[in-house]
């Protein structure tokens, strides 16, 4: 996964083939499973918030490494 992220962040190549929207959807299924089991997955919750922010910013159709575009808009 980090290779795909490097390809985009350093080389500008988006070659993962898995969209932010799909990652957000699939992670939502996992979070629902955790809730149904009466537990929490806090790292997954944080990741879900990050993916949702990228979807809300209009980046949902981009490949997952393109989430770096959303990070670049955040206040430092």
PDB file of N, CA and C in Angstrom:
ATOM      1  N   UNK A   1       0.823  -1.190   0.000  1.00  0.00           N
ATOM      2  CA  UNK A   1       0.000   0.000   0.000  1.00  0.00           C
ATOM      3  C   UNK A   1       0.869   1.257   0.000  1.00  0.00           C
ATOM      4  N   UNK A   2       1.942   1.220   0.771  1.00  0.00           N
ATOM      5  CA  UNK A   2       2.796   2.404   0.841  1.00  0.00           C
ATOM      6  C   UNK A   2       3.454   2.682  -0.507  1.00  0.00           C
ATOM      7  N   UNK A   3       3.715   1.633  -1.291  1.00  0.00           N
ATOM      8  CA  UNK A   3       4.265   1.829  -2.627  1.00  0.00           C
ATOM      9  C   UNK A   3       3.301   2.609  -3.510  1.00  0.00           C
ATOM     10  N   UNK A   4       2.011   2.280  -3.424  1.00  0.00           N
ATOM     11  CA  UNK A   4       1.011   3.014  -4.191  1.00  0.00           C
ATOM     12  C   UNK A   4       0.943   4.468  -3.736  1.00  0.00           C
ATOM     13  N   UNK A   5       1.041   4.686  -2.425  1.00  0.00           N
ATOM     14  CA  UNK A   5       1.011   6.052  -1.896  1.00  0.00           C
ATOM     15  C   UNK A   5       2.221   6.836  -2.370  1.00  0.00           C
ATOM     16  N   UNK A   6       3.391   6.197  -2.343  1.00  0.00           N
ATOM     17  CA  UNK A   6       4.609   6.849  -2.839  1.00  0.00           C
ATOM     18  C   UNK A   6       4.479   7.163  -4.312  1.00  0.00           C
ATOM     19  N   UNK A   7       3.921   6.236  -5.085  1.00  0.00           N
ATOM     20  CA  UNK A   7       3.775   6.473  -6.522  1.00  0.00           C
ATOM     21  C   UNK A   7       2.991   7.750  -6.792  1.00  0.00           C
ATOM     22  N   UNK A   8       1.972   7.997  -5.985  1.00  0.00           N
ATOM     23  CA  UNK A   8       1.172   9.209  -6.196  1.00  0.00           C
ATOM     24  C   UNK A   8       1.840  10.429  -5.572  1.00  0.00           C
ATOM     25  N   UNK A   9       2.231  10.333  -4.312  1.00  0.00           N
ATOM     26  CA  UNK A   9       2.755  11.493  -3.587  1.00  0.00           C
ATOM     27  C   UNK A   9       4.070  11.996  -4.171  1.00  0.00           C
ATOM     28  N   UNK A  10       4.913  11.093  -4.622  1.00  0.00           N
ATOM     29  CA  UNK A  10       6.231  11.486  -5.119  1.00  0.00           C
ATOM     30  C   UNK A  10       6.258  11.574  -6.648  1.00  0.00           C
ATOM     31  N   UNK A  11       5.674  10.566  -7.300  1.00  0.00           N
ATOM     32  CA  UNK A  11       5.800  10.466  -8.755  1.00  0.00           C
ATOM     33  C   UNK A  11       4.569  10.960  -9.518  1.00  0.00           C
ATOM     34  N   UNK A  12       3.460  11.238  -8.808  1.00  0.00           N
ATOM     35  CA  UNK A  12       2.252  11.710  -9.460  1.00  0.00           C
ATOM     36  C   UNK A  12       1.518  10.640 -10.252  1.00  0.00           C
ATOM     37  N   UNK A  13       1.768   9.366  -9.912  1.00  0.00           N
ATOM     38  CA  UNK A  13       1.147   8.245 -10.617  1.00  0.00           C
ATOM     39  C   UNK A  13       0.094   7.626  -9.709  1.00  0.00           C
ATOM     40  N   UNK A  14      -1.152   7.632 -10.161  1.00  0.00           N
ATOM     41  CA  UNK A  14      -2.251   7.067  -9.378  1.00  0.00           C
ATOM     42  C   UNK A  14      -2.624   5.722  -9.992  1.00  0.00           C
ATOM     43  N   UNK A  15      -2.037   4.660  -9.466  1.00  0.00           N
ATOM     44  CA  UNK A  15      -2.169   3.346 -10.099  1.00  0.00           C
ATOM     45  C   UNK A  15      -2.748   2.257  -9.201  1.00  0.00           C
ATOM     46  N   UNK A  16      -3.405   2.633  -8.112  1.00  0.00           N
ATOM     47  CA  UNK A  16      -3.953   1.618  -7.210  1.00  0.00           C
ATOM     48  C   UNK A  16      -5.200   0.968  -7.790  1.00  0.00           C
ATOM     49  N   UNK A  17      -6.098   1.738  -8.359  1.00  0.00           N
ATOM     50  CA  UNK A  17      -7.316   1.190  -8.933  1.00  0.00           C
ATOM     51  C   UNK A  17      -8.388   0.874  -7.901  1.00  0.00           C
ATOM     52  N   UNK A  18      -8.365   1.550  -6.762  1.00  0.00           N
ATOM     53  CA  UNK A  18      -9.383   1.377  -5.721  1.00  0.00           C
ATOM     54  C   UNK A  18      -9.743   2.760  -5.206  1.00  0.00           C
ATOM     55  N   UNK A  19     -10.988   3.155  -5.402  1.00  0.00           N
ATOM     56  CA  UNK A  19     -11.378   4.538  -5.117  1.00  0.00           C
ATOM     57  C   UNK A  19     -11.553   4.821  -3.629  1.00  0.00           C
ATOM     58  N   UNK A  20     -11.421   6.085  -3.310  1.00  0.00           N
ATOM     59  CA  UNK A  20     -11.664   6.558  -1.947  1.00  0.00           C
ATOM     60  C   UNK A  20     -13.103   6.239  -1.551  1.00  0.00           C
ATOM     61  N   UNK A  21     -14.012   6.433  -2.481  1.00  0.00           N
ATOM     62  CA  UNK A  21     -15.421   6.125  -2.209  1.00  0.00           C
ATOM     63  C   UNK A  21     -15.601   4.647  -1.828  1.00  0.00           C
ATOM     64  N   UNK A  22     -14.988   3.746  -2.582  1.00  0.00           N
ATOM     65  CA  UNK A  22     -15.115   2.313  -2.274  1.00  0.00           C
ATOM     66  C   UNK A  22     -14.447   1.956  -0.950  1.00  0.00           C
ATOM     67  N   UNK A  23     -13.302   2.548  -0.677  1.00  0.00           N
ATOM     68  CA  UNK A  23     -12.636   2.295   0.602  1.00  0.00           C
ATOM     69  C   UNK A  23     -13.511   2.757   1.760  1.00  0.00           C
ATOM     70  N   UNK A  24     -14.127   3.919   1.597  1.00  0.00           N
ATOM     71  CA  UNK A  24     -15.015   4.452   2.630  1.00  0.00           C
ATOM     72  C   UNK A  24     -16.212   3.526   2.847  1.00  0.00           C
ATOM     73  N   UNK A  25     -16.790   3.041   1.751  1.00  0.00           N
ATOM     74  CA  UNK A  25     -17.936   2.131   1.834  1.00  0.00           C
ATOM     75  C   UNK A  25     -17.545   0.828   2.541  1.00  0.00           C
ATOM     76  N   UNK A  26     -16.434   0.237   2.122  1.00  0.00           N
ATOM     77  CA  UNK A  26     -16.004  -1.034   2.716  1.00  0.00           C
ATOM     78  C   UNK A  26     -15.658  -0.878   4.191  1.00  0.00           C
ATOM     79  N   UNK A  27     -15.011   0.225   4.538  1.00  0.00           N
ATOM     80  CA  UNK A  27     -14.690   0.453   5.943  1.00  0.00           C
ATOM     81  C   UNK A  27     -15.957   0.644   6.757  1.00  0.00           C
ATOM     82  N   UNK A  28     -16.976   1.233   6.154  1.00  0.00           N
ATOM     83  CA  UNK A  28     -18.270   1.362   6.822  1.00  0.00           C
ATOM     84  C   UNK A  28     -18.870   0.007   7.168  1.00  0.00           C
ATOM     85  N   UNK A  29     -18.717  -0.961   6.257  1.00  0.00           N
ATOM     86  CA  UNK A  29     -19.196  -2.324   6.545  1.00  0.00           C
ATOM     87  C   UNK A  29     -18.468  -2.900   7.758  1.00  0.00           C
ATOM     88  N   UNK A  30     -17.148  -2.692   7.801  1.00  0.00           N
ATOM     89  CA  UNK A  30     -16.362  -3.195   8.935  1.00  0.00           C
ATOM     90  C   UNK A  30     -16.795  -2.528  10.236  1.00  0.00           C
ATOM     91  N   UNK A  31     -16.995  -1.221  10.198  1.00  0.00           N
ATOM     92  CA  UNK A  31     -17.410  -0.518  11.413  1.00  0.00           C
ATOM     93  C   UNK A  31     -18.784  -0.981  11.883  1.00  0.00           C
ATOM     94  N   UNK A  32     -19.674  -1.271  10.955  1.00  0.00           N
ATOM     95  CA  UNK A  32     -20.987  -1.801  11.327  1.00  0.00           C
ATOM     96  C   UNK A  32     -20.840  -3.177  11.974  1.00  0.00           C
ATOM     97  N   UNK A  33     -19.959  -4.003  11.437  1.00  0.00           N
ATOM     98  CA  UNK A  33     -19.697  -5.317  12.031  1.00  0.00           C
ATOM     99  C   UNK A  33     -19.191  -5.168  13.460  1.00  0.00           C
ATOM    100  N   UNK A  34     -18.233  -4.265  13.671  1.00  0.00           N
ATOM    101  CA  UNK A  34     -17.706  -4.039  15.014  1.00  0.00           C
ATOM    102  C   UNK A  34     -18.817  -3.598  15.961  1.00  0.00           C
ATOM    103  N   UNK A  35     -19.654  -2.673  15.493  1.00  0.00           N
ATOM    104  CA  UNK A  35     -20.768  -2.209  16.328  1.00  0.00           C
ATOM    105  C   UNK A  35     -21.724  -3.354  16.643  1.00  0.00           C
ATOM    106  N   UNK A  36     -22.030  -4.177  15.635  1.00  0.00           N
ATOM    107  CA  UNK A  36     -22.931  -5.313  15.843  1.00  0.00           C
ATOM    108  C   UNK A  36     -22.360  -6.305  16.854  1.00  0.00           C
ATOM    109  N   UNK A  37     -21.039  -6.364  16.936  1.00  0.00           N
ATOM    110  CA  UNK A  37     -20.376  -7.253  17.899  1.00  0.00           C
ATOM    111  C   UNK A  37     -20.209  -6.607  19.270  1.00  0.00           C
ATOM    112  N   UNK A  38     -20.661  -5.371  19.387  1.00  0.00           N
ATOM    113  CA  UNK A  38     -20.600  -4.680  20.676  1.00  0.00           C
ATOM    114  C   UNK A  38     -19.222  -4.157  21.021  1.00  0.00           C
ATOM    115  N   UNK A  39     -18.423  -3.840  20.010  1.00  0.00           N
ATOM    116  CA  UNK A  39     -17.080  -3.337  20.261  1.00  0.00           C
ATOM    117  C   UNK A  39     -16.819  -2.115  19.389  1.00  0.00           C
ATOM    118  N   UNK A  40     -15.635  -1.555  19.525  1.00  0.00           N
ATOM    119  CA  UNK A  40     -15.221  -0.413  18.706  1.00  0.00           C
ATOM    120  C   UNK A  40     -13.888  -0.720  18.065  1.00  0.00           C
ATOM    121  N   UNK A  41     -13.655  -0.100  16.952  1.00  0.00           N
ATOM    122  CA  UNK A  41     -12.376  -0.180  16.252  1.00  0.00           C
ATOM    123  C   UNK A  41     -11.927   1.264  16.033  1.00  0.00           C
ATOM    124  N   UNK A  42     -11.254   1.826  17.029  1.00  0.00           N
ATOM    125  CA  UNK A  42     -10.982   3.261  17.033  1.00  0.00           C
ATOM    126  C   UNK A  42     -10.077   3.708  15.894  1.00  0.00           C
ATOM    127  N   UNK A  43      -9.107   2.909  15.517  1.00  0.00           N
ATOM    128  CA  UNK A  43      -8.260   3.284  14.378  1.00  0.00           C
ATOM    129  C   UNK A  43      -9.103   3.313  13.110  1.00  0.00           C
ATOM    130  N   UNK A  44      -9.964   2.331  12.939  1.00  0.00           N
ATOM    131  CA  UNK A  44     -10.843   2.303  11.773  1.00  0.00           C
ATOM    132  C   UNK A  44     -11.805   3.487  11.792  1.00  0.00           C
ATOM    133  N   UNK A  45     -12.256   3.897  12.973  1.00  0.00           N
ATOM    134  CA  UNK A  45     -13.139   5.061  13.066  1.00  0.00           C
ATOM    135  C   UNK A  45     -12.421   6.321  12.578  1.00  0.00           C
ATOM    136  N   UNK A  46     -11.176   6.484  13.002  1.00  0.00           N
ATOM    137  CA  UNK A  46     -10.391   7.639  12.548  1.00  0.00           C
ATOM    138  C   UNK A  46     -10.155   7.609  11.046  1.00  0.00           C
ATOM    139  N   UNK A  47      -9.850   6.438  10.534  1.00  0.00           N
ATOM    140  CA  UNK A  47      -9.648   6.287   9.097  1.00  0.00           C
ATOM    141  C   UNK A  47     -10.933   6.597   8.347  1.00  0.00           C
ATOM    142  N   UNK A  48     -12.047   6.160   8.889  1.00  0.00           N
ATOM    143  CA  UNK A  48     -13.339   6.435   8.268  1.00  0.00           C
ATOM    144  C   UNK A  48     -13.609   7.940   8.201  1.00  0.00           C
ATOM    145  N   UNK A  49     -13.289   8.654   9.262  1.00  0.00           N
ATOM    146  CA  UNK A  49     -13.477  10.109   9.270  1.00  0.00           C
ATOM    147  C   UNK A  49     -12.614  10.760   8.188  1.00  0.00           C
ATOM    148  N   UNK A  50     -11.391  10.282   8.024  1.00  0.00           N
ATOM    149  CA  UNK A  50     -10.485  10.824   7.018  1.00  0.00           C
ATOM    150  C   UNK A  50     -11.001  10.545   5.611  1.00  0.00           C
ATOM    151  N   UNK A  51     -11.444   9.307   5.373  1.00  0.00           N
ATOM    152  CA  UNK A  51     -11.990   8.963   4.057  1.00  0.00           C
ATOM    153  C   UNK A  51     -13.254   9.773   3.770  1.00  0.00           C
ATOM    154  N   UNK A  52     -14.117   9.924   4.772  1.00  0.00           N
ATOM    155  CA  UNK A  52     -15.353  10.678   4.577  1.00  0.00           C
ATOM    156  C   UNK A  52     -15.056  12.138   4.264  1.00  0.00           C
ATOM    157  N   UNK A  53     -14.042  12.696   4.904  1.00  0.00           N
ATOM    158  CA  UNK A  53     -13.662  14.084   4.628  1.00  0.00           C
ATOM    159  C   UNK A  53     -13.216  14.226   3.172  1.00  0.00           C
ATOM    160  N   UNK A  54     -12.484  13.243   2.668  1.00  0.00           N
ATOM    161  CA  UNK A  54     -12.041  13.287   1.273  1.00  0.00           C
ATOM    162  C   UNK A  54     -13.231  13.153   0.328  1.00  0.00           C
ATOM    163  N   UNK A  55     -14.166  12.275   0.647  1.00  0.00           N
ATOM    164  CA  UNK A  55     -15.377  12.139  -0.169  1.00  0.00           C
ATOM    165  C   UNK A  55     -16.153  13.458  -0.168  1.00  0.00           C
ATOM    166  N   UNK A  56     -16.309  14.052   0.999  1.00  0.00           N
ATOM    167  CA  UNK A  56     -17.031  15.328   1.106  1.00  0.00           C
ATOM    168  C   UNK A  56     -16.333  16.448   0.336  1.00  0.00           C
ATOM    169  N   UNK A  57     -15.012  16.336   0.194  1.00  0.00           N
ATOM    170  CA  UNK A  57     -14.241  17.346  -0.545  1.00  0.00           C
ATOM    171  C   UNK A  57     -14.276  17.094  -2.049  1.00  0.00           C
ATOM    172  N   UNK A  58     -15.020  16.063  -2.478  1.00  0.00           N
ATOM    173  CA  UNK A  58     -15.148  15.791  -3.903  1.00  0.00           C
ATOM    174  C   UNK A  58     -14.095  14.874  -4.477  1.00  0.00           C
ATOM    175  N   UNK A  59     -13.348  14.188  -3.606  1.00  0.00           N
ATOM    176  CA  UNK A  59     -12.264  13.320  -4.065  1.00  0.00           C
ATOM    177  C   UNK A  59     -12.643  11.851  -4.123  1.00  0.00           C
ATOM    178  N   UNK A  60     -13.902  11.522  -3.901  1.00  0.00           N
ATOM    179  CA  UNK A  60     -14.327  10.128  -3.771  1.00  0.00           C
ATOM    180  C   UNK A  60     -14.041   9.248  -4.965  1.00  0.00           C
ATOM    181  N   UNK A  61     -14.030   9.800  -6.164  1.00  0.00           N
ATOM    182  CA  UNK A  61     -13.777   8.988  -7.354  1.00  0.00           C
ATOM    183  C   UNK A  61     -12.293   8.725  -7.584  1.00  0.00           C
ATOM    184  N   UNK A  62     -11.437   9.440  -6.881  1.00  0.00           N
ATOM    185  CA  UNK A  62      -9.996   9.236  -7.034  1.00  0.00           C
ATOM    186  C   UNK A  62      -9.543   7.977  -6.323  1.00  0.00           C
ATOM    187  N   UNK A  63      -8.394   7.463  -6.736  1.00  0.00           N
ATOM    188  CA  UNK A  63      -7.807   6.303  -6.063  1.00  0.00           C
ATOM    189  C   UNK A  63      -7.364   6.672  -4.654  1.00  0.00           C
ATOM    190  N   UNK A  64      -7.310   5.700  -3.770  1.00  0.00           N
ATOM    191  CA  UNK A  64      -7.005   5.945  -2.353  1.00  0.00           C
ATOM    192  C   UNK A  64      -5.759   6.816  -2.148  1.00  0.00           C
ATOM    193  N   UNK A  65      -4.649   6.587  -2.848  1.00  0.00           N
ATOM    194  CA  UNK A  65      -3.498   7.457  -2.609  1.00  0.00           C
ATOM    195  C   UNK A  65      -3.765   8.938  -2.888  1.00  0.00           C
ATOM    196  N   UNK A  66      -4.782   9.233  -3.682  1.00  0.00           N
ATOM    197  CA  UNK A  66      -5.105  10.617  -3.994  1.00  0.00           C
ATOM    198  C   UNK A  66      -5.696  11.359  -2.795  1.00  0.00           C
ATOM    199  N   UNK A  67      -5.867  10.660  -1.686  1.00  0.00           N
ATOM    200  CA  UNK A  67      -6.324  11.300  -0.453  1.00  0.00           C
ATOM    201  C   UNK A  67      -5.314  12.353   0.009  1.00  0.00           C
ATOM    202  N   UNK A  68      -4.081  12.235  -0.474  1.00  0.00           N
ATOM    203  CA  UNK A  68      -3.071  13.243  -0.137  1.00  0.00           C
ATOM    204  C   UNK A  68      -3.511  14.636  -0.576  1.00  0.00           C
ATOM    205  N   UNK A  69      -4.338  14.706  -1.621  1.00  0.00           N
ATOM    206  CA  UNK A  69      -4.848  16.013  -2.059  1.00  0.00           C
ATOM    207  C   UNK A  69      -5.659  16.670  -0.948  1.00  0.00           C
ATOM    208  N   UNK A  70      -6.421  15.875  -0.211  1.00  0.00           N
ATOM    209  CA  UNK A  70      -7.204  16.426   0.896  1.00  0.00           C
ATOM    210  C   UNK A  70      -6.297  16.851   2.037  1.00  0.00           C
ATOM    211  N   UNK A  71      -5.259  16.068   2.316  1.00  0.00           N
ATOM    212  CA  UNK A  71      -4.327  16.428   3.383  1.00  0.00           C
ATOM    213  C   UNK A  71      -3.651  17.779   3.099  1.00  0.00           C
ATOM    214  N   UNK A  72      -3.406  18.060   1.820  1.00  0.00           N
ATOM    215  CA  UNK A  72      -2.719  19.285   1.461  1.00  0.00           C
ATOM    216  C   UNK A  72      -3.580  20.533   1.700  1.00  0.00           C
ATOM    217  N   UNK A  73      -4.887  20.357   1.865  1.00  0.00           N
ATOM    218  CA  UNK A  73      -5.773  21.496   2.097  1.00  0.00           C
ATOM    219  C   UNK A  73      -5.965  21.794   3.576  1.00  0.00           C
ATOM    220  N   UNK A  74      -5.477  20.912   4.447  1.00  0.00           N
ATOM    221  CA  UNK A  74      -5.698  21.085   5.877  1.00  0.00           C
ATOM    222  C   UNK A  74      -4.811  22.179   6.454  1.00  0.00           C
ATOM    223  N   UNK A  75      -5.320  22.863   7.467  1.00  0.00           N
ATOM    224  CA  UNK A  75      -4.521  23.863   8.170  1.00  0.00           C
ATOM    225  C   UNK A  75      -3.340  23.199   8.847  1.00  0.00           C
ATOM    226  N   UNK A  76      -2.242  23.862   8.827  1.00  0.00           N
ATOM    227  CA  UNK A  76      -1.020  23.300   9.446  1.00  0.00           C
ATOM    228  C   UNK A  76      -0.798  23.893  10.809  1.00  0.00           C
TER     229      UNK A  76
END
